[in-house]
Amino acid sequence: METLLIQLTNHKALGLLHEMEALDLIKVLEENVPKKEKISEKYAGKLPSDVADELRKHVIQSRNEWNDRNI
């Protein structure tokens, strides 16, 4: 058996590869699936600390106003 690395240039090719795999002609070893990055990791450290503190205070104040409302 020979192992090859293939770069797909057309999205239809992946379907053909899966069809050939279903016919037991080839075996797809690994699909290149992009890893989803956590939002917390993506934006960690993006806000300056003073802006983050102001935002945090605003969120707390908004939540308190929401909880203290009379309906």
Foldseek 3Di string as FASTA:
>chain_A
DDDDDDDDPDPVVVVVVVVCVVVVNDDDDDDDDDDDDDPCVVCPPVDDPVVVVVVVVVVVVVVVCVVPDDD
